């Protein structure tokens, strides 16, 4: 998949994931783009693991199914990011 398709997939997946995930997420357009690209890799890797049983770093493509997998991966990435950076200070 070429770079332009990754950027488009990243913007679409990141924007949808930010709309679905509860709470306020900052970062602007660059943060949304990076989130979506990371989500495409996380979602593609998890999809490959669940369907084939092997762990391979793959990205989802620019299809409807690929966007769904990338959005789910971006939501997982958001959850992990906020769980890791959450402060438990009172």
PDB file of N, CA and C in Angstrom:
ATOM      1  N   UNK A   1       0.856  -1.163   0.000  1.00  0.00           N
ATOM      2  CA  UNK A   1       0.000   0.000   0.000  1.00  0.00           C
ATOM      3  C   UNK A   1       0.908   1.234   0.000  1.00  0.00           C
ATOM      4  N   UNK A   2       0.584   2.200  -0.833  1.00  0.00           N
ATOM      5  CA  UNK A   2       1.453   3.363  -0.924  1.00  0.00           C
ATOM      6  C   UNK A   2       1.202   4.357   0.208  1.00  0.00           C
ATOM      7  N   UNK A   3       2.078   5.306   0.335  1.00  0.00           N
ATOM      8  CA  UNK A   3       2.055   6.263   1.437  1.00  0.00           C
ATOM      9  C   UNK A   3       0.768   7.093   1.453  1.00  0.00           C
ATOM     10  N   UNK A   4       0.304   7.512   0.294  1.00  0.00           N
ATOM     11  CA  UNK A   4      -0.909   8.322   0.227  1.00  0.00           C
ATOM     12  C   UNK A   4      -2.118   7.546   0.745  1.00  0.00           C
ATOM     13  N   UNK A   5      -2.212   6.276   0.399  1.00  0.00           N
ATOM     14  CA  UNK A   5      -3.319   5.452   0.894  1.00  0.00           C
ATOM     15  C   UNK A   5      -3.223   5.267   2.404  1.00  0.00           C
ATOM     16  N   UNK A   6      -2.004   5.130   2.942  1.00  0.00           N
ATOM     17  CA  UNK A   6      -1.839   5.029   4.391  1.00  0.00           C
ATOM     18  C   UNK A   6      -2.281   6.304   5.080  1.00  0.00           C
ATOM     19  N   UNK A   7      -1.969   7.449   4.504  1.00  0.00           N
ATOM     20  CA  UNK A   7      -2.378   8.722   5.099  1.00  0.00           C
ATOM     21  C   UNK A   7      -3.898   8.865   5.096  1.00  0.00           C
ATOM     22  N   UNK A   8      -4.537   8.497   3.992  1.00  0.00           N
ATOM     23  CA  UNK A   8      -6.000   8.575   3.909  1.00  0.00           C
ATOM     24  C   UNK A   8      -6.632   7.614   4.902  1.00  0.00           C
ATOM     25  N   UNK A   9      -6.137   6.378   4.947  1.00  0.00           N
ATOM     26  CA  UNK A   9      -6.655   5.393   5.897  1.00  0.00           C
ATOM     27  C   UNK A   9      -6.440   5.867   7.325  1.00  0.00           C
ATOM     28  N   UNK A  10      -5.284   6.457   7.606  1.00  0.00           N
ATOM     29  CA  UNK A  10      -4.999   6.960   8.947  1.00  0.00           C
ATOM     30  C   UNK A  10      -5.942   8.068   9.368  1.00  0.00           C
ATOM     31  N   UNK A  11      -6.214   8.997   8.466  1.00  0.00           N
ATOM     32  CA  UNK A  11      -7.141  10.085   8.792  1.00  0.00           C
ATOM     33  C   UNK A  11      -8.554   9.565   9.035  1.00  0.00           C
ATOM     34  N   UNK A  12      -9.010   8.673   8.167  1.00  0.00           N
ATOM     35  CA  UNK A  12     -10.365   8.129   8.310  1.00  0.00           C
ATOM     36  C   UNK A  12     -10.486   7.328   9.597  1.00  0.00           C
ATOM     37  N   UNK A  13      -9.570   6.390   9.815  1.00  0.00           N
ATOM     38  CA  UNK A  13      -9.652   5.522  10.988  1.00  0.00           C
ATOM     39  C   UNK A  13      -9.464   6.306  12.278  1.00  0.00           C
ATOM     40  N   UNK A  14      -8.522   7.235  12.305  1.00  0.00           N
ATOM     41  CA  UNK A  14      -8.295   8.032  13.509  1.00  0.00           C
ATOM     42  C   UNK A  14      -9.476   8.913  13.858  1.00  0.00           C
ATOM     43  N   UNK A  15     -10.082   9.530  12.851  1.00  0.00           N
ATOM     44  CA  UNK A  15     -11.237  10.397  13.102  1.00  0.00           C
ATOM     45  C   UNK A  15     -12.431   9.591  13.615  1.00  0.00           C
ATOM     46  N   UNK A  16     -12.691   8.446  13.020  1.00  0.00           N
ATOM     47  CA  UNK A  16     -13.812   7.615  13.471  1.00  0.00           C
ATOM     48  C   UNK A  16     -13.559   7.093  14.876  1.00  0.00           C
ATOM     49  N   UNK A  17     -12.332   6.665  15.155  1.00  0.00           N
ATOM     50  CA  UNK A  17     -12.013   6.149  16.493  1.00  0.00           C
ATOM     51  C   UNK A  17     -12.156   7.233  17.551  1.00  0.00           C
ATOM     52  N   UNK A  18     -11.738   8.463  17.226  1.00  0.00           N
ATOM     53  CA  UNK A  18     -11.880   9.554  18.188  1.00  0.00           C
ATOM     54  C   UNK A  18     -13.344   9.904  18.427  1.00  0.00           C
ATOM     55  N   UNK A  19     -14.199   9.734  17.408  1.00  0.00           N
ATOM     56  CA  UNK A  19     -15.635   9.991  17.603  1.00  0.00           C
ATOM     57  C   UNK A  19     -16.268   8.906  18.462  1.00  0.00           C
ATOM     58  N   UNK A  20     -15.824   7.675  18.329  1.00  0.00           N
ATOM     59  CA  UNK A  20     -16.409   6.547  19.058  1.00  0.00           C
ATOM     60  C   UNK A  20     -15.915   6.506  20.497  1.00  0.00           C
ATOM     61  N   UNK A  21     -14.618   6.718  20.711  1.00  0.00           N
ATOM     62  CA  UNK A  21     -14.023   6.581  22.040  1.00  0.00           C
ATOM     63  C   UNK A  21     -14.528   7.694  22.951  1.00  0.00           C
ATOM     64  N   UNK A  22     -14.992   7.362  24.164  1.00  0.00           N
ATOM     65  CA  UNK A  22     -15.537   8.393  25.048  1.00  0.00           C
ATOM     66  C   UNK A  22     -14.450   9.296  25.611  1.00  0.00           C
ATOM     67  N   UNK A  23     -14.831  10.522  25.904  1.00  0.00           N
ATOM     68  CA  UNK A  23     -13.908  11.490  26.486  1.00  0.00           C
ATOM     69  C   UNK A  23     -13.305  12.400  25.432  1.00  0.00           C
ATOM     70  N   UNK A  24     -12.476  13.321  25.888  1.00  0.00           N
ATOM     71  CA  UNK A  24     -11.838  14.288  24.992  1.00  0.00           C
ATOM     72  C   UNK A  24     -10.431  13.820  24.657  1.00  0.00           C
ATOM     73  N   UNK A  25     -10.118  13.765  23.375  1.00  0.00           N
ATOM     74  CA  UNK A  25      -8.771  13.439  22.929  1.00  0.00           C
ATOM     75  C   UNK A  25      -8.223  14.643  22.177  1.00  0.00           C
ATOM     76  N   UNK A  26      -7.057  15.053  22.556  1.00  0.00           N
ATOM     77  CA  UNK A  26      -6.411  16.168  21.869  1.00  0.00           C
ATOM     78  C   UNK A  26      -5.564  15.640  20.719  1.00  0.00           C
ATOM     79  N   UNK A  27      -4.666  16.468  20.259  1.00  0.00           N
ATOM     80  CA  UNK A  27      -3.724  16.016  19.258  1.00  0.00           C
ATOM     81  C   UNK A  27      -3.903  16.634  17.894  1.00  0.00           C
ATOM     82  N   UNK A  28      -5.063  17.131  17.582  1.00  0.00           N
ATOM     83  CA  UNK A  28      -5.286  17.755  16.284  1.00  0.00           C
ATOM     84  C   UNK A  28      -5.213  16.767  15.134  1.00  0.00           C
ATOM     85  N   UNK A  29      -4.992  17.284  13.945  1.00  0.00           N
ATOM     86  CA  UNK A  29      -5.008  16.450  12.740  1.00  0.00           C
ATOM     87  C   UNK A  29      -3.803  15.516  12.688  1.00  0.00           C
ATOM     88  N   UNK A  30      -2.649  15.966  13.168  1.00  0.00           N
ATOM     89  CA  UNK A  30      -1.466  15.111  13.157  1.00  0.00           C
ATOM     90  C   UNK A  30      -1.635  13.941  14.124  1.00  0.00           C
ATOM     91  N   UNK A  31      -2.178  14.214  15.299  1.00  0.00           N
ATOM     92  CA  UNK A  31      -2.439  13.145  16.263  1.00  0.00           C
ATOM     93  C   UNK A  31      -3.445  12.152  15.734  1.00  0.00           C
ATOM     94  N   UNK A  32      -4.473  12.640  15.047  1.00  0.00           N
ATOM     95  CA  UNK A  32      -5.479  11.763  14.457  1.00  0.00           C
ATOM     96  C   UNK A  32      -4.853  10.892  13.378  1.00  0.00           C
ATOM     97  N   UNK A  33      -3.999  11.469  12.562  1.00  0.00           N
ATOM     98  CA  UNK A  33      -3.326  10.733  11.499  1.00  0.00           C
ATOM     99  C   UNK A  33      -2.434   9.631  12.066  1.00  0.00           C
ATOM    100  N   UNK A  34      -1.634   9.976  13.056  1.00  0.00           N
ATOM    101  CA  UNK A  34      -0.738   8.990  13.667  1.00  0.00           C
ATOM    102  C   UNK A  34      -1.533   7.903  14.360  1.00  0.00           C
ATOM    103  N   UNK A  35      -2.594   8.281  15.064  1.00  0.00           N
ATOM    104  CA  UNK A  35      -3.454   7.302  15.720  1.00  0.00           C
ATOM    105  C   UNK A  35      -4.044   6.325  14.709  1.00  0.00           C
ATOM    106  N   UNK A  36      -4.516   6.834  13.596  1.00  0.00           N
ATOM    107  CA  UNK A  36      -5.111   5.973  12.579  1.00  0.00           C
ATOM    108  C   UNK A  36      -4.107   5.029  11.943  1.00  0.00           C
ATOM    109  N   UNK A  37      -2.897   5.501  11.687  1.00  0.00           N
ATOM    110  CA  UNK A  37      -1.868   4.637  11.107  1.00  0.00           C
ATOM    111  C   UNK A  37      -1.452   3.556  12.103  1.00  0.00           C
ATOM    112  N   UNK A  38      -1.273   3.933  13.367  1.00  0.00           N
ATOM    113  CA  UNK A  38      -0.972   2.940  14.396  1.00  0.00           C
ATOM    114  C   UNK A  38      -2.129   1.953  14.515  1.00  0.00           C
ATOM    115  N   UNK A  39      -3.353   2.463  14.447  1.00  0.00           N
ATOM    116  CA  UNK A  39      -4.529   1.590  14.501  1.00  0.00           C
ATOM    117  C   UNK A  39      -4.584   0.620  13.343  1.00  0.00           C
ATOM    118  N   UNK A  40      -4.169   1.056  12.158  1.00  0.00           N
ATOM    119  CA  UNK A  40      -4.152   0.159  11.012  1.00  0.00           C
ATOM    120  C   UNK A  40      -3.172  -0.992  11.234  1.00  0.00           C
ATOM    121  N   UNK A  41      -2.016  -0.676  11.812  1.00  0.00           N
ATOM    122  CA  UNK A  41      -1.056  -1.740  12.094  1.00  0.00           C
ATOM    123  C   UNK A  41      -1.513  -2.640  13.235  1.00  0.00           C
ATOM    124  N   UNK A  42      -2.050  -2.052  14.316  1.00  0.00           N
ATOM    125  CA  UNK A  42      -2.538  -2.855  15.436  1.00  0.00           C
ATOM    126  C   UNK A  42      -3.706  -3.739  14.989  1.00  0.00           C
ATOM    127  N   UNK A  43      -4.667  -3.148  14.287  1.00  0.00           N
ATOM    128  CA  UNK A  43      -5.816  -3.910  13.813  1.00  0.00           C
ATOM    129  C   UNK A  43      -5.425  -4.983  12.808  1.00  0.00           C
ATOM    130  N   UNK A  44      -4.549  -4.647  11.879  1.00  0.00           N
ATOM    131  CA  UNK A  44      -4.105  -5.630  10.893  1.00  0.00           C
ATOM    132  C   UNK A  44      -3.355  -6.783  11.531  1.00  0.00           C
ATOM    133  N   UNK A  45      -2.513  -6.478  12.516  1.00  0.00           N
ATOM    134  CA  UNK A  45      -1.761  -7.518  13.212  1.00  0.00           C
ATOM    135  C   UNK A  45      -2.690  -8.410  14.026  1.00  0.00           C
ATOM    136  N   UNK A  46      -3.640  -7.814  14.750  1.00  0.00           N
ATOM    137  CA  UNK A  46      -4.596  -8.617  15.529  1.00  0.00           C
ATOM    138  C   UNK A  46      -5.482  -9.461  14.623  1.00  0.00           C
ATOM    139  N   UNK A  47      -5.899  -8.905  13.496  1.00  0.00           N
ATOM    140  CA  UNK A  47      -6.724  -9.653  12.546  1.00  0.00           C
ATOM    141  C   UNK A  47      -5.953 -10.850  11.986  1.00  0.00           C
ATOM    142  N   UNK A  48      -4.695 -10.633  11.637  1.00  0.00           N
ATOM    143  CA  UNK A  48      -3.864 -11.734  11.142  1.00  0.00           C
ATOM    144  C   UNK A  48      -3.664 -12.790  12.214  1.00  0.00           C
ATOM    145  N   UNK A  49      -3.446 -12.366  13.456  1.00  0.00           N
ATOM    146  CA  UNK A  49      -3.263 -13.312  14.560  1.00  0.00           C
ATOM    147  C   UNK A  49      -4.513 -14.146  14.788  1.00  0.00           C
ATOM    148  N   UNK A  50      -5.682 -13.504  14.747  1.00  0.00           N
ATOM    149  CA  UNK A  50      -6.927 -14.227  14.998  1.00  0.00           C
ATOM    150  C   UNK A  50      -7.323 -15.143  13.848  1.00  0.00           C
ATOM    151  N   UNK A  51      -7.026 -14.767  12.625  1.00  0.00           N
ATOM    152  CA  UNK A  51      -7.462 -15.574  11.483  1.00  0.00           C
ATOM    153  C   UNK A  51      -6.472 -16.669  11.101  1.00  0.00           C
ATOM    154  N   UNK A  52      -5.178 -16.409  11.249  1.00  0.00           N
ATOM    155  CA  UNK A  52      -4.191 -17.403  10.826  1.00  0.00           C
ATOM    156  C   UNK A  52      -3.469 -18.057  11.991  1.00  0.00           C
ATOM    157  N   UNK A  53      -3.485 -17.441  13.146  1.00  0.00           N
ATOM    158  CA  UNK A  53      -2.785 -17.989  14.302  1.00  0.00           C
ATOM    159  C   UNK A  53      -1.307 -17.643  14.333  1.00  0.00           C
ATOM    160  N   UNK A  54      -0.852 -16.842  13.389  1.00  0.00           N
ATOM    161  CA  UNK A  54       0.555 -16.442  13.383  1.00  0.00           C
ATOM    162  C   UNK A  54       0.651 -14.936  13.625  1.00  0.00           C
ATOM    163  N   UNK A  55       1.732 -14.544  14.281  1.00  0.00           N
ATOM    164  CA  UNK A  55       1.934 -13.136  14.588  1.00  0.00           C
ATOM    165  C   UNK A  55       2.783 -12.514  13.489  1.00  0.00           C
ATOM    166  N   UNK A  56       2.186 -11.590  12.732  1.00  0.00           N
ATOM    167  CA  UNK A  56       2.891 -10.904  11.657  1.00  0.00           C
ATOM    168  C   UNK A  56       2.470  -9.440  11.668  1.00  0.00           C
ATOM    169  N   UNK A  57       3.428  -8.550  11.524  1.00  0.00           N
ATOM    170  CA  UNK A  57       3.135  -7.119  11.494  1.00  0.00           C
ATOM    171  C   UNK A  57       2.598  -6.753  10.117  1.00  0.00           C
ATOM    172  N   UNK A  58       1.297  -6.561  10.032  1.00  0.00           N
ATOM    173  CA  UNK A  58       0.653  -6.219   8.770  1.00  0.00           C
ATOM    174  C   UNK A  58      -0.266  -5.032   8.987  1.00  0.00           C
ATOM    175  N   UNK A  59      -0.535  -4.322   7.938  1.00  0.00           N
ATOM    176  CA  UNK A  59      -1.461  -3.193   7.992  1.00  0.00           C
ATOM    177  C   UNK A  59      -2.683  -3.531   7.157  1.00  0.00           C
ATOM    178  N   UNK A  60      -3.800  -3.004   7.560  1.00  0.00           N
ATOM    179  CA  UNK A  60      -5.015  -3.223   6.783  1.00  0.00           C
ATOM    180  C   UNK A  60      -4.997  -2.334   5.547  1.00  0.00           C
ATOM    181  N   UNK A  61      -5.718  -2.744   4.530  1.00  0.00           N
ATOM    182  CA  UNK A  61      -5.741  -1.994   3.279  1.00  0.00           C
ATOM    183  C   UNK A  61      -6.839  -0.946   3.261  1.00  0.00           C
ATOM    184  N   UNK A  62      -6.887  -0.190   2.198  1.00  0.00           N
ATOM    185  CA  UNK A  62      -7.867   0.881   2.041  1.00  0.00           C
ATOM    186  C   UNK A  62      -9.129   0.309   1.408  1.00  0.00           C
ATOM    187  N   UNK A  63      -9.827  -0.532   2.168  1.00  0.00           N
ATOM    188  CA  UNK A  63     -11.112  -1.100   1.788  1.00  0.00           C
ATOM    189  C   UNK A  63     -12.065  -0.875   2.955  1.00  0.00           C
ATOM    190  N   UNK A  64     -13.316  -1.226   2.781  1.00  0.00           N
ATOM    191  CA  UNK A  64     -14.269  -1.051   3.882  1.00  0.00           C
ATOM    192  C   UNK A  64     -13.879  -1.931   5.066  1.00  0.00           C
ATOM    193  N   UNK A  65     -13.536  -3.173   4.790  1.00  0.00           N
ATOM    194  CA  UNK A  65     -13.082  -4.066   5.860  1.00  0.00           C
ATOM    195  C   UNK A  65     -11.800  -3.577   6.507  1.00  0.00           C
ATOM    196  N   UNK A  66     -10.907  -3.026   5.689  1.00  0.00           N
ATOM    197  CA  UNK A  66      -9.659  -2.490   6.217  1.00  0.00           C
ATOM    198  C   UNK A  66      -9.881  -1.292   7.116  1.00  0.00           C
ATOM    199  N   UNK A  67     -10.829  -0.444   6.759  1.00  0.00           N
ATOM    200  CA  UNK A  67     -11.151   0.721   7.591  1.00  0.00           C
ATOM    201  C   UNK A  67     -11.749   0.263   8.918  1.00  0.00           C
ATOM    202  N   UNK A  68     -12.622  -0.743   8.882  1.00  0.00           N
ATOM    203  CA  UNK A  68     -13.219  -1.267  10.124  1.00  0.00           C
ATOM    204  C   UNK A  68     -12.136  -1.832  11.029  1.00  0.00           C
ATOM    205  N   UNK A  69     -11.228  -2.624  10.468  1.00  0.00           N
ATOM    206  CA  UNK A  69     -10.134  -3.203  11.252  1.00  0.00           C
ATOM    207  C   UNK A  69      -9.227  -2.097  11.791  1.00  0.00           C
ATOM    208  N   UNK A  70      -8.941  -1.081  10.984  1.00  0.00           N
ATOM    209  CA  UNK A  70      -8.097   0.024  11.424  1.00  0.00           C
ATOM    210  C   UNK A  70      -8.764   0.837  12.535  1.00  0.00           C
ATOM    211  N   UNK A  71     -10.074   1.046  12.438  1.00  0.00           N
ATOM    212  CA  UNK A  71     -10.794   1.773  13.491  1.00  0.00           C
ATOM    213  C   UNK A  71     -10.761   0.984  14.795  1.00  0.00           C
ATOM    214  N   UNK A  72     -11.006  -0.317  14.714  1.00  0.00           N
ATOM    215  CA  UNK A  72     -10.933  -1.138  15.922  1.00  0.00           C
ATOM    216  C   UNK A  72      -9.526  -1.126  16.510  1.00  0.00           C
ATOM    217  N   UNK A  73      -8.514  -1.182  15.653  1.00  0.00           N
ATOM    218  CA  UNK A  73      -7.138  -1.094  16.131  1.00  0.00           C
ATOM    219  C   UNK A  73      -6.836   0.251  16.757  1.00  0.00           C
ATOM    220  N   UNK A  74      -7.370   1.327  16.191  1.00  0.00           N
ATOM    221  CA  UNK A  74      -7.159   2.661  16.752  1.00  0.00           C
ATOM    222  C   UNK A  74      -7.844   2.804  18.108  1.00  0.00           C
ATOM    223  N   UNK A  75      -9.013   2.195  18.266  1.00  0.00           N
ATOM    224  CA  UNK A  75      -9.689   2.224  19.571  1.00  0.00           C
ATOM    225  C   UNK A  75      -8.869   1.466  20.599  1.00  0.00           C
ATOM    226  N   UNK A  76      -8.310   0.316  20.219  1.00  0.00           N
ATOM    227  CA  UNK A  76      -7.435  -0.435  21.122  1.00  0.00           C
ATOM    228  C   UNK A  76      -6.206   0.394  21.469  1.00  0.00           C
ATOM    229  N   UNK A  77      -5.623   1.066  20.477  1.00  0.00           N
ATOM    230  CA  UNK A  77      -4.449   1.907  20.720  1.00  0.00           C
ATOM    231  C   UNK A  77      -4.791   3.063  21.657  1.00  0.00           C
ATOM    232  N   UNK A  78      -5.957   3.688  21.483  1.00  0.00           N
ATOM    233  CA  UNK A  78      -6.390   4.754  22.397  1.00  0.00           C
ATOM    234  C   UNK A  78      -6.557   4.233  23.821  1.00  0.00           C
ATOM    235  N   UNK A  79      -7.169   3.070  23.955  1.00  0.00           N
ATOM    236  CA  UNK A  79      -7.378   2.483  25.276  1.00  0.00           C
ATOM    237  C   UNK A  79      -6.039   2.211  25.963  1.00  0.00           C
ATOM    238  N   UNK A  80      -5.106   1.616  25.233  1.00  0.00           N
ATOM    239  CA  UNK A  80      -3.793   1.315  25.808  1.00  0.00           C
ATOM    240  C   UNK A  80      -3.054   2.601  26.166  1.00  0.00           C
ATOM    241  N   UNK A  81      -3.110   3.602  25.299  1.00  0.00           N
ATOM    242  CA  UNK A  81      -2.430   4.867  25.561  1.00  0.00           C
ATOM    243  C   UNK A  81      -2.979   5.536  26.824  1.00  0.00           C
ATOM    244  N   UNK A  82      -4.300   5.616  26.939  1.00  0.00           N
ATOM    245  CA  UNK A  82      -4.879   6.283  28.103  1.00  0.00           C
ATOM    246  C   UNK A  82      -4.738   5.457  29.370  1.00  0.00           C
ATOM    247  N   UNK A  83      -4.689   4.143  29.255  1.00  0.00           N
ATOM    248  CA  UNK A  83      -4.452   3.307  30.432  1.00  0.00           C
ATOM    249  C   UNK A  83      -3.002   3.462  30.929  1.00  0.00           C
ATOM    250  N   UNK A  84      -2.069   3.629  30.003  1.00  0.00           N
ATOM    251  CA  UNK A  84      -0.673   3.759  30.372  1.00  0.00           C
ATOM    252  C   UNK A  84      -0.336   5.154  30.913  1.00  0.00           C
ATOM    253  N   UNK A  85      -1.026   6.175  30.424  1.00  0.00           N
ATOM    254  CA  UNK A  85      -0.693   7.540  30.837  1.00  0.00           C
ATOM    255  C   UNK A  85      -1.597   8.104  31.919  1.00  0.00           C
ATOM    256  N   UNK A  86      -2.584   7.345  32.325  1.00  0.00           N
ATOM    257  CA  UNK A  86      -3.511   7.847  33.348  1.00  0.00           C
ATOM    258  C   UNK A  86      -2.798   7.995  34.679  1.00  0.00           C
ATOM    259  N   UNK A  87      -3.018   9.105  35.326  1.00  0.00           N
ATOM    260  CA  UNK A  87      -2.427   9.369  36.629  1.00  0.00           C
ATOM    261  C   UNK A  87      -3.426   8.985  37.710  1.00  0.00           C
ATOM    262  N   UNK A  88      -2.974   8.237  38.696  1.00  0.00           N
ATOM    263  CA  UNK A  88      -3.845   7.830  39.792  1.00  0.00           C
ATOM    264  C   UNK A  88      -3.703   8.755  40.996  1.00  0.00           C
ATOM    265  N   UNK A  89      -3.103   9.895  40.818  1.00  0.00           N
ATOM    266  CA  UNK A  89      -2.924  10.848  41.904  1.00  0.00           C
ATOM    267  C   UNK A  89      -4.264  11.464  42.270  1.00  0.00           C
ATOM    268  N   UNK A  90      -4.435  11.701  43.555  1.00  0.00           N
ATOM    269  CA  UNK A  90      -5.688  12.267  44.049  1.00  0.00           C
ATOM    270  C   UNK A  90      -5.606  13.755  44.112  1.00  0.00           C
TER     271      UNK A  90
END
